[in-house]
């Protein structure tokens, strides 16, 4: 299979969708710890439109995706459940002759599959993967994070959280962290709007830094080889680079 990882705002989903389309038969398995929850859409950046592309004739192409919107908000989805859900999706894709593309920024989820963590009563095999990392300059990453945060606020992230608060207690939403923590604290009157935005922006920058620390640990200390690609390269160039690597892996084993 192929794994696409990188920090938040590096363009993983869009890239994975284009790669899946180019490979013909590629299907995306999300490795994001919050995208599993229904009703948590804007705050998690599901951007489901990213899976809808156009072919050479201008026709819509819907790239298949898995492990998104599979449980209710408020549920505590864990790593072992992710392993089980991943295994089911992986086997389903392979049975149909497809190419699984694991894509996300939750390092623990990705590593639990690639290194076969033993967390439950079922022994999952390690999965051989061509692992691709999207590298993005720190200052550009910070700029994209800031722009994306303001875009999501304009898209209705506060309204999304208010709707969730009609079904769930505030402390349960706060537990999901980042957008859901700070927007909830704003909605219940603990933060002003400006303070919410300021704190949330700082928290997302810190999160992206922790993601990169995890990925470096995977590569340097835990034996996961990662092919890093400049996230700012043109889409076609990035896709063709990975296709070339993928064909080489299949040619030479």
C-alpha atoms as a PDB file:
ATOM      1  CA  UNK A   1       0.000   0.000   0.000  1.00  0.00           C
ATOM      2  CA  UNK A   2       0.926   3.669  -0.024  1.00  0.00           C
ATOM      3  CA  UNK A   3       0.945   5.927   3.027  1.00  0.00           C
ATOM      4  CA  UNK A   4       0.672   9.715   2.785  1.00  0.00           C
ATOM      5  CA  UNK A   5       1.572  11.661   5.924  1.00  0.00           C
ATOM      6  CA  UNK A   6       2.542  15.173   6.878  1.00  0.00           C
ATOM      7  CA  UNK A   7       1.629  18.034   9.203  1.00  0.00           C
ATOM      8  CA  UNK A   8      -1.718  19.748   9.189  1.00  0.00           C
ATOM      9  CA  UNK A   9      -2.239  22.166   6.262  1.00  0.00           C
ATOM     10  CA  UNK A  10       0.302  20.370   4.044  1.00  0.00           C
ATOM     11  CA  UNK A  11      -2.343  19.294   1.506  1.00  0.00           C
ATOM     12  CA  UNK A  12      -2.368  15.552   2.231  1.00  0.00           C
ATOM     13  CA  UNK A  13      -5.985  14.836   1.307  1.00  0.00           C
ATOM     14  CA  UNK A  14      -5.947  16.674  -2.018  1.00  0.00           C
ATOM     15  CA  UNK A  15      -2.670  15.009  -2.952  1.00  0.00           C
ATOM     16  CA  UNK A  16      -3.880  11.540  -1.946  1.00  0.00           C
ATOM     17  CA  UNK A  17      -7.055  11.988  -4.006  1.00  0.00           C
ATOM     18  CA  UNK A  18      -5.119  12.979  -7.119  1.00  0.00           C
ATOM     19  CA  UNK A  19      -2.712  10.089  -6.603  1.00  0.00           C
ATOM     20  CA  UNK A  20      -5.611   7.649  -6.216  1.00  0.00           C
ATOM     21  CA  UNK A  21      -7.145   8.894  -9.448  1.00  0.00           C
ATOM     22  CA  UNK A  22      -3.817   8.636 -11.300  1.00  0.00           C
ATOM     23  CA  UNK A  23      -3.188   5.065 -10.117  1.00  0.00           C
ATOM     24  CA  UNK A  24      -6.657   3.889 -11.171  1.00  0.00           C
ATOM     25  CA  UNK A  25      -8.077   1.798  -8.370  1.00  0.00           C
ATOM     26  CA  UNK A  26      -6.609   3.856  -5.541  1.00  0.00           C
ATOM     27  CA  UNK A  27      -8.843   4.185  -2.470  1.00  0.00           C
ATOM     28  CA  UNK A  28      -8.130   6.336   0.536  1.00  0.00           C
ATOM     29  CA  UNK A  29      -8.184   5.096   4.122  1.00  0.00           C
ATOM     30  CA  UNK A  30      -8.259   8.051   6.500  1.00  0.00           C
ATOM     31  CA  UNK A  31      -5.774   8.049   9.366  1.00  0.00           C
ATOM     32  CA  UNK A  32      -7.243  10.953  11.297  1.00  0.00           C
ATOM     33  CA  UNK A  33      -8.392  10.434  14.864  1.00  0.00           C
ATOM     34  CA  UNK A  34     -11.311  12.889  14.619  1.00  0.00           C
ATOM     35  CA  UNK A  35     -12.613  12.389  11.091  1.00  0.00           C
ATOM     36  CA  UNK A  36     -14.231   9.148  12.249  1.00  0.00           C
ATOM     37  CA  UNK A  37     -16.949  11.199  13.989  1.00  0.00           C
ATOM     38  CA  UNK A  38     -20.183  12.165  12.288  1.00  0.00           C
ATOM     39  CA  UNK A  39     -21.172  15.802  12.701  1.00  0.00           C
ATOM     40  CA  UNK A  40     -17.570  16.926  13.250  1.00  0.00           C
ATOM     41  CA  UNK A  41     -16.898  18.177   9.740  1.00  0.00           C
ATOM     42  CA  UNK A  42     -15.648  21.750   9.534  1.00  0.00           C
ATOM     43  CA  UNK A  43     -13.526  21.518  12.679  1.00  0.00           C
ATOM     44  CA  UNK A  44     -11.799  18.349  11.502  1.00  0.00           C
ATOM     45  CA  UNK A  45     -11.282  19.630   7.968  1.00  0.00           C
ATOM     46  CA  UNK A  46     -12.957  16.687   6.255  1.00  0.00           C
ATOM     47  CA  UNK A  47     -13.207  18.681   3.032  1.00  0.00           C
ATOM     48  CA  UNK A  48     -15.116  15.887   1.306  1.00  0.00           C
ATOM     49  CA  UNK A  49     -15.102  17.906  -1.908  1.00  0.00           C
ATOM     50  CA  UNK A  50     -11.402  17.029  -2.157  1.00  0.00           C
ATOM     51  CA  UNK A  51     -12.447  13.502  -3.121  1.00  0.00           C
ATOM     52  CA  UNK A  52     -14.373  14.767  -6.157  1.00  0.00           C
ATOM     53  CA  UNK A  53     -12.088  15.327  -9.138  1.00  0.00           C
ATOM     54  CA  UNK A  54     -12.431  15.679 -12.899  1.00  0.00           C
ATOM     55  CA  UNK A  55     -11.140  13.341 -15.564  1.00  0.00           C
ATOM     56  CA  UNK A  56      -9.608  14.426 -18.887  1.00  0.00           C
ATOM     57  CA  UNK A  57     -13.099  14.810 -20.373  1.00  0.00           C
ATOM     58  CA  UNK A  58     -14.332  16.977 -17.531  1.00  0.00           C
ATOM     59  CA  UNK A  59     -16.474  14.273 -15.930  1.00  0.00           C
ATOM     60  CA  UNK A  60     -16.719  13.998 -12.157  1.00  0.00           C
ATOM     61  CA  UNK A  61     -14.611  11.262 -10.563  1.00  0.00           C
ATOM     62  CA  UNK A  62     -15.427  10.286  -6.978  1.00  0.00           C
ATOM     63  CA  UNK A  63     -12.386   8.864  -5.222  1.00  0.00           C
ATOM     64  CA  UNK A  64     -13.502   6.202  -2.698  1.00  0.00           C
ATOM     65  CA  UNK A  65     -12.654   6.883   0.941  1.00  0.00           C
ATOM     66  CA  UNK A  66     -12.917   4.889   4.169  1.00  0.00           C
ATOM     67  CA  UNK A  67     -12.961   5.483   7.968  1.00  0.00           C
ATOM     68  CA  UNK A  68     -14.697   8.849   7.759  1.00  0.00           C
ATOM     69  CA  UNK A  69     -18.027   9.384   9.574  1.00  0.00           C
ATOM     70  CA  UNK A  70     -18.093   5.872  11.022  1.00  0.00           C
ATOM     71  CA  UNK A  71     -19.224   6.637  14.593  1.00  0.00           C
ATOM     72  CA  UNK A  72     -21.188   9.225  16.516  1.00  0.00           C
ATOM     73  CA  UNK A  73     -19.603  12.320  18.030  1.00  0.00           C
ATOM     74  CA  UNK A  74     -19.113  11.751  21.741  1.00  0.00           C
ATOM     75  CA  UNK A  75     -17.911   8.173  21.329  1.00  0.00           C
ATOM     76  CA  UNK A  76     -14.350   7.359  22.388  1.00  0.00           C
ATOM     77  CA  UNK A  77     -12.777   5.782  19.326  1.00  0.00           C
ATOM     78  CA  UNK A  78      -9.399   4.246  20.126  1.00  0.00           C
ATOM     79  CA  UNK A  79      -6.270   2.969  18.402  1.00  0.00           C
ATOM     80  CA  UNK A  80      -7.278  -0.684  18.576  1.00  0.00           C
ATOM     81  CA  UNK A  81     -10.621   0.109  16.953  1.00  0.00           C
ATOM     82  CA  UNK A  82      -8.747   1.989  14.269  1.00  0.00           C
ATOM     83  CA  UNK A  83      -6.557  -1.059  13.633  1.00  0.00           C
ATOM     84  CA  UNK A  84      -9.644  -3.244  13.251  1.00  0.00           C
ATOM     85  CA  UNK A  85     -11.408  -0.747  10.980  1.00  0.00           C
ATOM     86  CA  UNK A  86      -8.268  -0.286   8.913  1.00  0.00           C
ATOM     87  CA  UNK A  87      -7.860  -4.039   8.487  1.00  0.00           C
ATOM     88  CA  UNK A  88     -11.434  -4.385   7.235  1.00  0.00           C
ATOM     89  CA  UNK A  89     -11.055  -1.513   4.772  1.00  0.00           C
ATOM     90  CA  UNK A  90      -7.653  -2.747   3.592  1.00  0.00           C
ATOM     91  CA  UNK A  91      -8.881  -6.281   2.927  1.00  0.00           C
ATOM     92  CA  UNK A  92     -11.987  -4.961   1.160  1.00  0.00           C
ATOM     93  CA  UNK A  93      -9.922  -2.772  -1.162  1.00  0.00           C
ATOM     94  CA  UNK A  94      -7.406  -5.530  -1.906  1.00  0.00           C
ATOM     95  CA  UNK A  95     -10.192  -8.045  -2.587  1.00  0.00           C
ATOM     96  CA  UNK A  96     -11.470  -5.738  -5.330  1.00  0.00           C
ATOM     97  CA  UNK A  97      -8.021  -5.309  -6.823  1.00  0.00           C
ATOM     98  CA  UNK A  98      -7.610  -1.754  -5.545  1.00  0.00           C
ATOM     99  CA  UNK A  99      -4.653   0.071  -4.050  1.00  0.00           C
ATOM    100  CA  UNK A 100      -5.058   1.161  -0.404  1.00  0.00           C
ATOM    101  CA  UNK A 101      -3.729   4.658   0.273  1.00  0.00           C
ATOM    102  CA  UNK A 102      -3.503   5.398   3.998  1.00  0.00           C
ATOM    103  CA  UNK A 103      -3.639   9.174   4.439  1.00  0.00           C
ATOM    104  CA  UNK A 104      -3.637  11.335   7.531  1.00  0.00           C
ATOM    105  CA  UNK A 105      -1.797  13.210  10.210  1.00  0.00           C
ATOM    106  CA  UNK A 106      -2.417  11.068  13.299  1.00  0.00           C
ATOM    107  CA  UNK A 107       1.019   9.534  13.697  1.00  0.00           C
ATOM    108  CA  UNK A 108      -0.081   7.025  16.315  1.00  0.00           C
ATOM    109  CA  UNK A 109      -2.753   5.606  14.005  1.00  0.00           C
ATOM    110  CA  UNK A 110      -0.352   5.364  11.080  1.00  0.00           C
ATOM    111  CA  UNK A 111       2.383   3.754  13.123  1.00  0.00           C
ATOM    112  CA  UNK A 112      -0.015   1.296  14.754  1.00  0.00           C
ATOM    113  CA  UNK A 113      -0.612  -0.134  11.276  1.00  0.00           C
ATOM    114  CA  UNK A 114       2.889   0.090   9.837  1.00  0.00           C
ATOM    115  CA  UNK A 115       4.530  -1.355  12.964  1.00  0.00           C
ATOM    116  CA  UNK A 116       1.658  -3.661  13.929  1.00  0.00           C
ATOM    117  CA  UNK A 117       1.065  -2.539  17.508  1.00  0.00           C
ATOM    118  CA  UNK A 118      -0.273  -5.362  19.684  1.00  0.00           C
ATOM    119  CA  UNK A 119      -3.125  -3.698  21.553  1.00  0.00           C
ATOM    120  CA  UNK A 120      -5.886  -6.296  21.619  1.00  0.00           C
ATOM    121  CA  UNK A 121      -6.566  -9.983  21.305  1.00  0.00           C
ATOM    122  CA  UNK A 122      -6.196 -10.006  17.469  1.00  0.00           C
ATOM    123  CA  UNK A 123      -2.578 -10.146  15.921  1.00  0.00           C
ATOM    124  CA  UNK A 124      -2.524  -7.779  12.815  1.00  0.00           C
ATOM    125  CA  UNK A 125       0.339  -8.241  10.320  1.00  0.00           C
ATOM    126  CA  UNK A 126       2.755  -5.442   9.524  1.00  0.00           C
ATOM    127  CA  UNK A 127       1.816  -3.847   6.223  1.00  0.00           C
ATOM    128  CA  UNK A 128       4.541  -3.125   3.700  1.00  0.00           C
ATOM    129  CA  UNK A 129       4.059   0.447   2.577  1.00  0.00           C
ATOM    130  CA  UNK A 130       5.626   3.043   0.362  1.00  0.00           C
ATOM    131  CA  UNK A 131       5.482   5.915   2.825  1.00  0.00           C
ATOM    132  CA  UNK A 132       5.424   9.463   1.481  1.00  0.00           C
ATOM    133  CA  UNK A 133       5.814  12.558   3.638  1.00  0.00           C
ATOM    134  CA  UNK A 134       4.755  16.023   2.498  1.00  0.00           C
ATOM    135  CA  UNK A 135       7.348  18.535   3.646  1.00  0.00           C
ATOM    136  CA  UNK A 136       6.358  22.171   4.005  1.00  0.00           C
ATOM    137  CA  UNK A 137       8.416  25.168   5.120  1.00  0.00           C
ATOM    138  CA  UNK A 138       7.637  26.193   8.691  1.00  0.00           C
ATOM    139  CA  UNK A 139       6.697  29.783   7.856  1.00  0.00           C
ATOM    140  CA  UNK A 140       4.489  28.712   4.960  1.00  0.00           C
ATOM    141  CA  UNK A 141       2.876  26.081   7.157  1.00  0.00           C
ATOM    142  CA  UNK A 142       2.071  28.716   9.761  1.00  0.00           C
ATOM    143  CA  UNK A 143       0.585  30.976   7.085  1.00  0.00           C
ATOM    144  CA  UNK A 144      -1.592  28.174   5.720  1.00  0.00           C
ATOM    145  CA  UNK A 145      -2.759  27.206   9.212  1.00  0.00           C
ATOM    146  CA  UNK A 146      -3.799  30.805   9.924  1.00  0.00           C
ATOM    147  CA  UNK A 147      -5.602  31.172   6.594  1.00  0.00           C
ATOM    148  CA  UNK A 148      -7.371  27.849   6.998  1.00  0.00           C
ATOM    149  CA  UNK A 149      -8.506  28.645  10.526  1.00  0.00           C
ATOM    150  CA  UNK A 150     -10.147  31.893   9.453  1.00  0.00           C
ATOM    151  CA  UNK A 151     -11.728  30.167   6.450  1.00  0.00           C
ATOM    152  CA  UNK A 152     -13.247  27.497   8.688  1.00  0.00           C
ATOM    153  CA  UNK A 153     -14.621  30.116  11.049  1.00  0.00           C
ATOM    154  CA  UNK A 154     -16.264  31.832   8.075  1.00  0.00           C
ATOM    155  CA  UNK A 155     -17.640  28.466   6.890  1.00  0.00           C
ATOM    156  CA  UNK A 156     -19.545  28.016  10.160  1.00  0.00           C
ATOM    157  CA  UNK A 157     -17.282  26.198  12.599  1.00  0.00           C
ATOM    158  CA  UNK A 158     -18.829  28.003  15.572  1.00  0.00           C
ATOM    159  CA  UNK A 159     -22.322  27.037  14.413  1.00  0.00           C
ATOM    160  CA  UNK A 160     -21.171  23.434  14.005  1.00  0.00           C
ATOM    161  CA  UNK A 161     -19.967  23.335  17.607  1.00  0.00           C
ATOM    162  CA  UNK A 162     -23.172  24.956  18.874  1.00  0.00           C
ATOM    163  CA  UNK A 163     -25.141  22.223  17.121  1.00  0.00           C
ATOM    164  CA  UNK A 164     -23.003  19.542  18.759  1.00  0.00           C
ATOM    165  CA  UNK A 165     -23.506  21.173  22.162  1.00  0.00           C
ATOM    166  CA  UNK A 166     -27.230  20.551  21.784  1.00  0.00           C
ATOM    167  CA  UNK A 167     -26.465  16.820  21.859  1.00  0.00           C
ATOM    168  CA  UNK A 168     -23.291  16.528  23.908  1.00  0.00           C
ATOM    169  CA  UNK A 169     -22.006  17.997  27.194  1.00  0.00           C
ATOM    170  CA  UNK A 170     -19.306  20.639  26.797  1.00  0.00           C
ATOM    171  CA  UNK A 171     -16.662  18.587  28.604  1.00  0.00           C
ATOM    172  CA  UNK A 172     -17.006  15.795  26.068  1.00  0.00           C
ATOM    173  CA  UNK A 173     -16.409  18.137  23.123  1.00  0.00           C
ATOM    174  CA  UNK A 174     -13.519  19.828  24.896  1.00  0.00           C
ATOM    175  CA  UNK A 175     -11.874  16.403  25.175  1.00  0.00           C
ATOM    176  CA  UNK A 176     -11.451  16.311  21.395  1.00  0.00           C
ATOM    177  CA  UNK A 177      -9.020  19.216  21.613  1.00  0.00           C
ATOM    178  CA  UNK A 178      -8.009  21.976  19.214  1.00  0.00           C
ATOM    179  CA  UNK A 179     -11.023  23.434  17.361  1.00  0.00           C
ATOM    180  CA  UNK A 180     -13.573  21.656  19.540  1.00  0.00           C
ATOM    181  CA  UNK A 181     -11.886  22.626  22.795  1.00  0.00           C
ATOM    182  CA  UNK A 182     -11.474  26.327  22.124  1.00  0.00           C
ATOM    183  CA  UNK A 183     -14.677  26.926  20.174  1.00  0.00           C
ATOM    184  CA  UNK A 184     -16.639  25.128  22.892  1.00  0.00           C
ATOM    185  CA  UNK A 185     -15.026  27.313  25.550  1.00  0.00           C
ATOM    186  CA  UNK A 186     -16.095  30.333  23.516  1.00  0.00           C
ATOM    187  CA  UNK A 187     -19.638  29.015  23.107  1.00  0.00           C
ATOM    188  CA  UNK A 188     -20.071  28.449  26.853  1.00  0.00           C
ATOM    189  CA  UNK A 189     -18.698  31.896  27.692  1.00  0.00           C
ATOM    190  CA  UNK A 190     -15.265  30.983  29.018  1.00  0.00           C
ATOM    191  CA  UNK A 191     -13.383  32.783  26.226  1.00  0.00           C
ATOM    192  CA  UNK A 192     -14.023  35.868  24.151  1.00  0.00           C
ATOM    193  CA  UNK A 193     -14.101  35.395  20.378  1.00  0.00           C
ATOM    194  CA  UNK A 194     -10.722  37.059  19.862  1.00  0.00           C
ATOM    195  CA  UNK A 195      -9.137  35.073  22.691  1.00  0.00           C
ATOM    196  CA  UNK A 196     -10.567  31.869  21.264  1.00  0.00           C
ATOM    197  CA  UNK A 197      -9.060  32.578  17.850  1.00  0.00           C
ATOM    198  CA  UNK A 198      -5.696  33.548  19.324  1.00  0.00           C
ATOM    199  CA  UNK A 199      -5.396  30.492  21.556  1.00  0.00           C
ATOM    200  CA  UNK A 200      -6.653  28.122  18.886  1.00  0.00           C
ATOM    201  CA  UNK A 201      -4.189  29.409  16.329  1.00  0.00           C
ATOM    202  CA  UNK A 202      -1.299  28.887  18.760  1.00  0.00           C
ATOM    203  CA  UNK A 203      -2.560  25.404  19.631  1.00  0.00           C
ATOM    204  CA  UNK A 204      -2.741  24.340  15.971  1.00  0.00           C
ATOM    205  CA  UNK A 205       0.798  25.594  15.338  1.00  0.00           C
ATOM    206  CA  UNK A 206       1.983  23.574  18.343  1.00  0.00           C
ATOM    207  CA  UNK A 207       0.074  20.530  17.097  1.00  0.00           C
ATOM    208  CA  UNK A 208       1.767  20.719  13.686  1.00  0.00           C
ATOM    209  CA  UNK A 209       5.149  20.874  15.401  1.00  0.00           C
ATOM    210  CA  UNK A 210       4.308  17.762  17.469  1.00  0.00           C
ATOM    211  CA  UNK A 211       3.219  15.959  14.296  1.00  0.00           C
ATOM    212  CA  UNK A 212       6.594  16.570  12.681  1.00  0.00           C
ATOM    213  CA  UNK A 213       8.373  15.428  15.850  1.00  0.00           C
ATOM    214  CA  UNK A 214       6.388  12.171  15.722  1.00  0.00           C
ATOM    215  CA  UNK A 215       7.113  11.595  12.038  1.00  0.00           C
ATOM    216  CA  UNK A 216      10.836  12.218  12.547  1.00  0.00           C
ATOM    217  CA  UNK A 217      10.759   9.696  15.375  1.00  0.00           C
ATOM    218  CA  UNK A 218       9.091   7.146  13.109  1.00  0.00           C
ATOM    219  CA  UNK A 219      11.814   7.607  10.530  1.00  0.00           C
ATOM    220  CA  UNK A 220      14.917   8.067  12.666  1.00  0.00           C
ATOM    221  CA  UNK A 221      14.251   5.857  15.684  1.00  0.00           C
ATOM    222  CA  UNK A 222      11.485   3.418  14.831  1.00  0.00           C
ATOM    223  CA  UNK A 223      12.542   2.231  11.400  1.00  0.00           C
ATOM    224  CA  UNK A 224       9.870   3.614   9.076  1.00  0.00           C
ATOM    225  CA  UNK A 225      11.513   4.891   5.862  1.00  0.00           C
ATOM    226  CA  UNK A 226       9.772   8.045   4.619  1.00  0.00           C
ATOM    227  CA  UNK A 227      10.250   9.564   1.168  1.00  0.00           C
ATOM    228  CA  UNK A 228       9.831  13.298   1.690  1.00  0.00           C
ATOM    229  CA  UNK A 229       8.387  15.443  -1.086  1.00  0.00           C
ATOM    230  CA  UNK A 230       8.120  19.233  -1.249  1.00  0.00           C
ATOM    231  CA  UNK A 231       4.437  19.996  -0.640  1.00  0.00           C
ATOM    232  CA  UNK A 232       4.652  23.150  -2.761  1.00  0.00           C
ATOM    233  CA  UNK A 233       5.571  21.333  -5.980  1.00  0.00           C
ATOM    234  CA  UNK A 234       2.914  21.302  -8.728  1.00  0.00           C
ATOM    235  CA  UNK A 235       0.353  18.552  -8.163  1.00  0.00           C
ATOM    236  CA  UNK A 236       1.233  16.668 -11.340  1.00  0.00           C
ATOM    237  CA  UNK A 237       4.928  16.661 -10.443  1.00  0.00           C
ATOM    238  CA  UNK A 238       4.249  15.291  -6.967  1.00  0.00           C
ATOM    239  CA  UNK A 239       1.912  12.625  -8.267  1.00  0.00           C
ATOM    240  CA  UNK A 240       4.316  11.471 -10.984  1.00  0.00           C
ATOM    241  CA  UNK A 241       7.176  11.261  -8.475  1.00  0.00           C
ATOM    242  CA  UNK A 242       5.159   8.920  -6.267  1.00  0.00           C
ATOM    243  CA  UNK A 243       3.895   6.898  -9.233  1.00  0.00           C
ATOM    244  CA  UNK A 244       7.508   6.391 -10.290  1.00  0.00           C
ATOM    245  CA  UNK A 245       8.449   5.239  -6.788  1.00  0.00           C
ATOM    246  CA  UNK A 246       5.399   2.963  -6.660  1.00  0.00           C
ATOM    247  CA  UNK A 247       6.219   1.352 -10.005  1.00  0.00           C
ATOM    248  CA  UNK A 248       9.795   0.818  -8.822  1.00  0.00           C
ATOM    249  CA  UNK A 249       8.621  -0.885  -5.631  1.00  0.00           C
ATOM    250  CA  UNK A 250       6.353  -3.233  -7.601  1.00  0.00           C
ATOM    251  CA  UNK A 251       9.011  -3.905 -10.236  1.00  0.00           C
ATOM    252  CA  UNK A 252      11.826  -4.762  -7.858  1.00  0.00           C
ATOM    253  CA  UNK A 253       9.881  -5.820  -4.760  1.00  0.00           C
END
